[in-house]
Structure formats: C-alpha cells, structure tokens
Amino acid sequence: MSGEQAVRQSKRGGDWNGNPPAWSREPFEPGNRAAMRHGVYLQNFSDDERAEIEAIADSLRAAAPLYSPAFEPTIRMTAARVWRWRRAYAYLSERGEDASRALLRDLNVLERSLQRDLADLGVNPRSASELGVNLARLAAASGEDEPDFDWNALDPGERRTLSALLAKGSADA
C-alpha cells in the first residue's frame, strides 16, 4: 500500500484492513428515510404512501363531473400533489410557519398547480359550472329527435373545436 493510500484509508476511519471503526453505525438500508423532514419532495413513494395517493385519486374520480381514461394522468398527478400538500401542512402545523421559508414558497407554487389541476378536471365551482353550461347547451342543441350527446366520445381536438363554436354561438346570441 502506498503512502497516499494509507493516508486516505486512515482518514476514512477503521483499521488498515478496511474494516469500519468500532464506533460506526450500520450502513443505511435501501429506502431509509432517516433524513426526511416532511416528505414534500419525495420522489419514490412507499406502498403505504402509494395507497394514500390512490385513495385521493379515487376521491377525485368520484368528484369529477365527467370521467374518461384520458383523464388518468391528470388525476394521478393531482392526487400526488394533494398528498404533498397535506404533508406540507402537517409539517407546518407541527413546527410553525417559521420552520421553512423554502417550503412555504414551494407550497405556494404547489397550491397554484392544484388550482389549475382541479379546474382542468372540472372539480372547482367555476370550472364545474362552465362545464355544466356547455353540456346544457349541447343537450339543447342536439334536439329531442337526435341521440344523446356523448362528450366522452370526442377527442381533445374535437372538444376544443366544439367549445370554440359554442363560445362563438353564445357571443352571437
């Protein structure tokens, strides 16, 4: 062993054979969360956390006025954001608002994202009422002799076009 390697080895602790020092702890196991404070920034969720997020997603599916499998990415992302939002507020309620200015800043961004996501899903009052008005207009426009209109049968481009036409029609009236 060269002199440089011996110096590096001795700086790490332990004996010359590479054994850890007697005072050291066992290495952390994979998935250890000893350094986790509040969990808002987690990238890998445990099974229990995934179950919580899935329960939130189920609630969002039930609250949405319309459902399509195409909504799943937004529902799952929104559910994870709601979970993070809950964790952030639990942490702040335990330690006070002075606990982390960075967390408060990020919580502000998270809440704006949640507002946008809930509006996209038609869950907040304004977006739900707009969706209801648009569906009522479609039902009235379809007439009694025609089959019921199915919004879910349209692809996103057709929905945008139909919304634009409805907006134009209501502006002309």
C-alpha atoms as a PDB file:
ATOM      1  CA  MET A   1       0.000   0.000   0.000  1.00  0.00           C
ATOM      2  CA  SER A   2       1.434   3.373  -0.968  1.00  0.00           C
ATOM      3  CA  GLY A   3       1.764   6.247   1.497  1.00  0.00           C
ATOM      4  CA  GLU A   4      -1.060   8.180  -0.213  1.00  0.00           C
ATOM      5  CA  GLN A   5      -3.448   5.214   0.037  1.00  0.00           C
ATOM      6  CA  ALA A   6      -2.527   4.767   3.696  1.00  0.00           C
ATOM      7  CA  VAL A   7      -3.390   8.408   4.395  1.00  0.00           C
ATOM      8  CA  ARG A   8      -6.727   8.107   2.575  1.00  0.00           C
ATOM      9  CA  GLN A   9      -7.524   4.888   4.415  1.00  0.00           C
ATOM     10  CA  SER A  10      -6.755   6.396   7.801  1.00  0.00           C
ATOM     11  CA  LYS A  11      -8.915   9.476   7.055  1.00  0.00           C
ATOM     12  CA  ARG A  12     -11.899   7.236   6.452  1.00  0.00           C
ATOM     13  CA  GLY A  13     -11.553   5.569   9.818  1.00  0.00           C
ATOM     14  CA  GLY A  14     -11.277   1.911  10.553  1.00  0.00           C
ATOM     15  CA  ASP A  15      -8.251  -0.308  10.551  1.00  0.00           C
ATOM     16  CA  TRP A  16      -5.715  -0.958   7.822  1.00  0.00           C
ATOM     17  CA  ASN A  17      -7.662  -3.992   6.620  1.00  0.00           C
ATOM     18  CA  GLY A  18     -10.661  -1.878   5.547  1.00  0.00           C
ATOM     19  CA  ASN A  19     -12.892  -2.764   8.495  1.00  0.00           C
ATOM     20  CA  PRO A  20     -15.141   0.046   9.770  1.00  0.00           C
ATOM     21  CA  PRO A  21     -14.264   1.669  13.087  1.00  0.00           C
ATOM     22  CA  ALA A  22     -15.832   0.182  16.215  1.00  0.00           C
ATOM     23  CA  TRP A  23     -17.845   3.364  16.855  1.00  0.00           C
ATOM     24  CA  SER A  24     -19.559   3.424  13.440  1.00  0.00           C
ATOM     25  CA  ARG A  25     -23.188   2.525  12.840  1.00  0.00           C
ATOM     26  CA  GLU A  26     -24.552   0.008  10.367  1.00  0.00           C
ATOM     27  CA  PRO A  27     -24.960   1.421   6.842  1.00  0.00           C
ATOM     28  CA  PHE A  28     -28.432   2.662   5.928  1.00  0.00           C
ATOM     29  CA  GLU A  29     -30.665   0.142   4.215  1.00  0.00           C
ATOM     30  CA  PRO A  30     -32.189   0.932   0.800  1.00  0.00           C
ATOM     31  CA  GLY A  31     -35.306   3.065   1.227  1.00  0.00           C
ATOM     32  CA  ASN A  32     -34.114   4.592   4.509  1.00  0.00           C
ATOM     33  CA  ARG A  33     -35.781   7.894   5.318  1.00  0.00           C
ATOM     34  CA  ALA A  34     -33.866   8.960   8.398  1.00  0.00           C
ATOM     35  CA  ALA A  35     -33.110  12.385   6.928  1.00  0.00           C
ATOM     36  CA  MET A  36     -36.669  13.020   5.699  1.00  0.00           C
ATOM     37  CA  ARG A  37     -38.369  16.021   7.296  1.00  0.00           C
ATOM     38  CA  HIS A  38     -41.806  16.353   5.748  1.00  0.00           C
ATOM     39  CA  GLY A  39     -41.826  14.256   2.577  1.00  0.00           C
ATOM     40  CA  VAL A  40     -42.993  17.016   0.249  1.00  0.00           C
ATOM     41  CA  TYR A  41     -40.068  16.450  -2.113  1.00  0.00           C
ATOM     42  CA  LEU A  42     -40.166  12.638  -2.138  1.00  0.00           C
ATOM     43  CA  GLN A  43     -39.548  11.017  -5.490  1.00  0.00           C
ATOM     44  CA  ASN A  44     -40.089   7.378  -4.507  1.00  0.00           C
ATOM     45  CA  PHE A  45     -43.223   6.571  -2.532  1.00  0.00           C
ATOM     46  CA  SER A  46     -43.618   3.660  -0.138  1.00  0.00           C
ATOM     47  CA  ASP A  47     -46.505   1.205  -0.544  1.00  0.00           C
ATOM     48  CA  ASP A  48     -48.487   2.966   2.211  1.00  0.00           C
ATOM     49  CA  GLU A  49     -47.943   6.341   0.562  1.00  0.00           C
ATOM     50  CA  ARG A  50     -49.000   4.934  -2.802  1.00  0.00           C
ATOM     51  CA  ALA A  51     -52.177   3.596  -1.176  1.00  0.00           C
ATOM     52  CA  GLU A  52     -52.911   7.069   0.260  1.00  0.00           C
ATOM     53  CA  ILE A  53     -52.366   8.660  -3.142  1.00  0.00           C
ATOM     54  CA  GLU A  54     -54.618   6.089  -4.813  1.00  0.00           C
ATOM     55  CA  ALA A  55     -57.377   6.834  -2.255  1.00  0.00           C
ATOM     56  CA  ILE A  56     -57.077  10.526  -3.120  1.00  0.00           C
ATOM     57  CA  ALA A  57     -57.247   9.640  -6.832  1.00  0.00           C
ATOM     58  CA  ASP A  58     -60.424   7.628  -6.197  1.00  0.00           C
ATOM     59  CA  SER A  59     -61.959  10.673  -4.491  1.00  0.00           C
ATOM     60  CA  LEU A  60     -61.012  12.865  -7.457  1.00  0.00           C
ATOM     61  CA  ARG A  61     -62.570  10.386  -9.893  1.00  0.00           C
ATOM     62  CA  ALA A  62     -65.780  10.416  -7.847  1.00  0.00           C
ATOM     63  CA  ALA A  63     -65.825  14.232  -7.660  1.00  0.00           C
ATOM     64  CA  ALA A  64     -65.178  14.828 -11.367  1.00  0.00           C
ATOM     65  CA  PRO A  65     -68.383  15.565 -13.295  1.00  0.00           C
ATOM     66  CA  LEU A  66     -67.069  13.632 -16.305  1.00  0.00           C
ATOM     67  CA  TYR A  67     -64.598  10.797 -16.485  1.00  0.00           C
ATOM     68  CA  SER A  68     -62.520   9.406 -19.286  1.00  0.00           C
ATOM     69  CA  PRO A  69     -59.435   7.179 -19.110  1.00  0.00           C
ATOM     70  CA  ALA A  70     -57.647  10.082 -20.804  1.00  0.00           C
ATOM     71  CA  PHE A  71     -58.017  11.992 -17.513  1.00  0.00           C
ATOM     72  CA  GLU A  72     -55.900   9.443 -15.601  1.00  0.00           C
ATOM     73  CA  PRO A  73     -52.531  11.230 -15.910  1.00  0.00           C
ATOM     74  CA  THR A  74     -54.056  14.445 -14.572  1.00  0.00           C
ATOM     75  CA  ILE A  75     -55.942  12.600 -11.825  1.00  0.00           C
ATOM     76  CA  ARG A  76     -52.828  10.742 -10.661  1.00  0.00           C
ATOM     77  CA  MET A  77     -50.640  13.849 -10.781  1.00  0.00           C
ATOM     78  CA  THR A  78     -53.263  15.857  -8.894  1.00  0.00           C
ATOM     79  CA  ALA A  79     -53.624  13.102  -6.288  1.00  0.00           C
ATOM     80  CA  ALA A  80     -49.861  13.123  -5.668  1.00  0.00           C
ATOM     81  CA  ARG A  81     -49.940  16.916  -5.367  1.00  0.00           C
ATOM     82  CA  VAL A  82     -52.801  16.745  -2.850  1.00  0.00           C
ATOM     83  CA  TRP A  83     -50.784  14.199  -0.873  1.00  0.00           C
ATOM     84  CA  ARG A  84     -47.737  16.528  -0.892  1.00  0.00           C
ATOM     85  CA  TRP A  85     -49.965  19.472   0.081  1.00  0.00           C
ATOM     86  CA  ARG A  86     -51.279  17.524   3.091  1.00  0.00           C
ATOM     87  CA  ARG A  87     -47.741  16.580   4.138  1.00  0.00           C
ATOM     88  CA  ALA A  88     -46.579  20.185   3.898  1.00  0.00           C
ATOM     89  CA  TYR A  89     -49.430  21.473   6.061  1.00  0.00           C
ATOM     90  CA  ALA A  90     -48.939  18.688   8.614  1.00  0.00           C
ATOM     91  CA  TYR A  91     -45.274  19.661   8.894  1.00  0.00           C
ATOM     92  CA  LEU A  92     -46.097  23.366   9.211  1.00  0.00           C
ATOM     93  CA  SER A  93     -48.789  22.744  11.829  1.00  0.00           C
ATOM     94  CA  GLU A  94     -46.279  20.826  13.965  1.00  0.00           C
ATOM     95  CA  ARG A  95     -43.397  23.286  13.647  1.00  0.00           C
ATOM     96  CA  GLY A  96     -44.985  26.611  12.765  1.00  0.00           C
ATOM     97  CA  GLU A  97     -44.707  28.734   9.670  1.00  0.00           C
ATOM     98  CA  ASP A  98     -41.177  29.833  10.526  1.00  0.00           C
ATOM     99  CA  ALA A  99     -39.973  26.230  10.101  1.00  0.00           C
ATOM    100  CA  SER A 100     -39.073  26.583   6.443  1.00  0.00           C
ATOM    101  CA  ARG A 101     -39.339  29.587   4.160  1.00  0.00           C
ATOM    102  CA  ALA A 102     -38.409  27.441   1.173  1.00  0.00           C
ATOM    103  CA  LEU A 103     -41.262  25.063   1.981  1.00  0.00           C
ATOM    104  CA  LEU A 104     -43.708  27.988   2.179  1.00  0.00           C
ATOM    105  CA  ARG A 105     -42.511  29.244  -1.204  1.00  0.00           C
ATOM    106  CA  ASP A 106     -42.855  25.804  -2.755  1.00  0.00           C
ATOM    107  CA  LEU A 107     -46.246  25.340  -1.086  1.00  0.00           C
ATOM    108  CA  ASN A 108     -47.452  28.481  -2.844  1.00  0.00           C
ATOM    109  CA  VAL A 109     -46.398  27.021  -6.216  1.00  0.00           C
ATOM    110  CA  LEU A 110     -47.985  23.680  -5.296  1.00  0.00           C
ATOM    111  CA  GLU A 111     -51.300  25.336  -4.426  1.00  0.00           C
ATOM    112  CA  ARG A 112     -51.408  27.217  -7.736  1.00  0.00           C
ATOM    113  CA  SER A 113     -50.723  23.947  -9.560  1.00  0.00           C
ATOM    114  CA  LEU A 114     -53.532  22.277  -7.614  1.00  0.00           C
ATOM    115  CA  GLN A 115     -55.964  25.058  -8.529  1.00  0.00           C
ATOM    116  CA  ARG A 116     -55.115  24.602 -12.206  1.00  0.00           C
ATOM    117  CA  ASP A 117     -55.396  20.796 -11.993  1.00  0.00           C
ATOM    118  CA  LEU A 118     -58.767  20.925 -10.219  1.00  0.00           C
ATOM    119  CA  ALA A 119     -60.053  23.369 -12.826  1.00  0.00           C
ATOM    120  CA  ASP A 120     -58.856  21.041 -15.603  1.00  0.00           C
ATOM    121  CA  LEU A 121     -60.798  18.181 -14.013  1.00  0.00           C
ATOM    122  CA  GLY A 122     -63.934  20.320 -13.589  1.00  0.00           C
ATOM    123  CA  VAL A 123     -63.846  19.872  -9.813  1.00  0.00           C
ATOM    124  CA  ASN A 124     -63.762  23.501  -8.649  1.00  0.00           C
ATOM    125  CA  PRO A 125     -67.035  25.501  -8.701  1.00  0.00           C
ATOM    126  CA  ARG A 126     -66.213  27.755 -11.640  1.00  0.00           C
ATOM    127  CA  SER A 127     -64.986  25.042 -13.990  1.00  0.00           C
ATOM    128  CA  ALA A 128     -67.864  22.741 -12.970  1.00  0.00           C
ATOM    129  CA  SER A 129     -70.429  25.441 -13.733  1.00  0.00           C
ATOM    130  CA  GLU A 130     -68.783  26.212 -17.094  1.00  0.00           C
ATOM    131  CA  LEU A 131     -68.821  22.525 -17.922  1.00  0.00           C
ATOM    132  CA  GLY A 132     -72.490  22.279 -16.900  1.00  0.00           C
ATOM    133  CA  VAL A 133     -73.422  25.272 -19.053  1.00  0.00           C
ATOM    134  CA  ASN A 134     -71.592  23.821 -22.047  1.00  0.00           C
ATOM    135  CA  LEU A 135     -73.237  20.414 -21.609  1.00  0.00           C
ATOM    136  CA  ALA A 136     -76.670  22.039 -21.233  1.00  0.00           C
ATOM    137  CA  ARG A 137     -76.084  23.957 -24.483  1.00  0.00           C
ATOM    138  CA  LEU A 138     -75.066  20.761 -26.224  1.00  0.00           C
ATOM    139  CA  ALA A 139     -78.133  18.932 -24.961  1.00  0.00           C
ATOM    140  CA  ALA A 140     -80.415  21.792 -26.116  1.00  0.00           C
ATOM    141  CA  ALA A 141     -78.682  21.959 -29.492  1.00  0.00           C
ATOM    142  CA  SER A 142     -78.999  18.232 -30.089  1.00  0.00           C
ATOM    143  CA  GLY A 143     -82.818  18.345 -30.080  1.00  0.00           C
ATOM    144  CA  GLU A 144     -85.246  15.657 -28.990  1.00  0.00           C
ATOM    145  CA  ASP A 145     -85.127  13.523 -32.135  1.00  0.00           C
ATOM    146  CA  GLU A 146     -81.371  13.103 -32.020  1.00  0.00           C
ATOM    147  CA  PRO A 147     -79.486  10.662 -29.798  1.00  0.00           C
ATOM    148  CA  ASP A 148     -77.970  11.985 -26.567  1.00  0.00           C
ATOM    149  CA  PHE A 149     -74.681  13.777 -26.942  1.00  0.00           C
ATOM    150  CA  ASP A 150     -71.649  11.951 -25.515  1.00  0.00           C
ATOM    151  CA  TRP A 151     -68.859  14.403 -24.624  1.00  0.00           C
ATOM    152  CA  ASN A 152     -66.531  11.494 -23.835  1.00  0.00           C
ATOM    153  CA  ALA A 153     -66.756  10.250 -27.424  1.00  0.00           C
ATOM    154  CA  LEU A 154     -64.896  13.356 -28.657  1.00  0.00           C
ATOM    155  CA  ASP A 155     -61.127  13.509 -28.822  1.00  0.00           C
ATOM    156  CA  PRO A 156     -59.387  16.567 -27.258  1.00  0.00           C
ATOM    157  CA  GLY A 157     -59.141  18.422 -30.590  1.00  0.00           C
ATOM    158  CA  GLU A 158     -62.847  17.948 -31.267  1.00  0.00           C
ATOM    159  CA  ARG A 159     -63.656  19.128 -27.742  1.00  0.00           C
ATOM    160  CA  ARG A 160     -61.635  22.320 -28.257  1.00  0.00           C
ATOM    161  CA  THR A 161     -63.348  22.957 -31.584  1.00  0.00           C
ATOM    162  CA  LEU A 162     -66.790  22.363 -30.084  1.00  0.00           C
ATOM    163  CA  SER A 163     -66.017  24.661 -27.129  1.00  0.00           C
ATOM    164  CA  ALA A 164     -64.895  27.392 -29.548  1.00  0.00           C
ATOM    165  CA  LEU A 165     -68.056  27.004 -31.606  1.00  0.00           C
ATOM    166  CA  LEU A 166     -70.246  27.137 -28.502  1.00  0.00           C
ATOM    167  CA  ALA A 167     -68.434  30.251 -27.315  1.00  0.00           C
ATOM    168  CA  LYS A 168     -68.926  31.846 -30.734  1.00  0.00           C
ATOM    169  CA  GLY A 169     -72.603  30.887 -30.766  1.00  0.00           C
ATOM    170  CA  SER A 170     -73.222  32.343 -27.313  1.00  0.00           C
ATOM    171  CA  ALA A 171     -71.399  35.570 -28.279  1.00  0.00           C
ATOM    172  CA  ASP A 172     -73.612  35.936 -31.374  1.00  0.00           C
ATOM    173  CA  ALA A 173     -76.854  35.462 -29.393  1.00  0.00           C
END
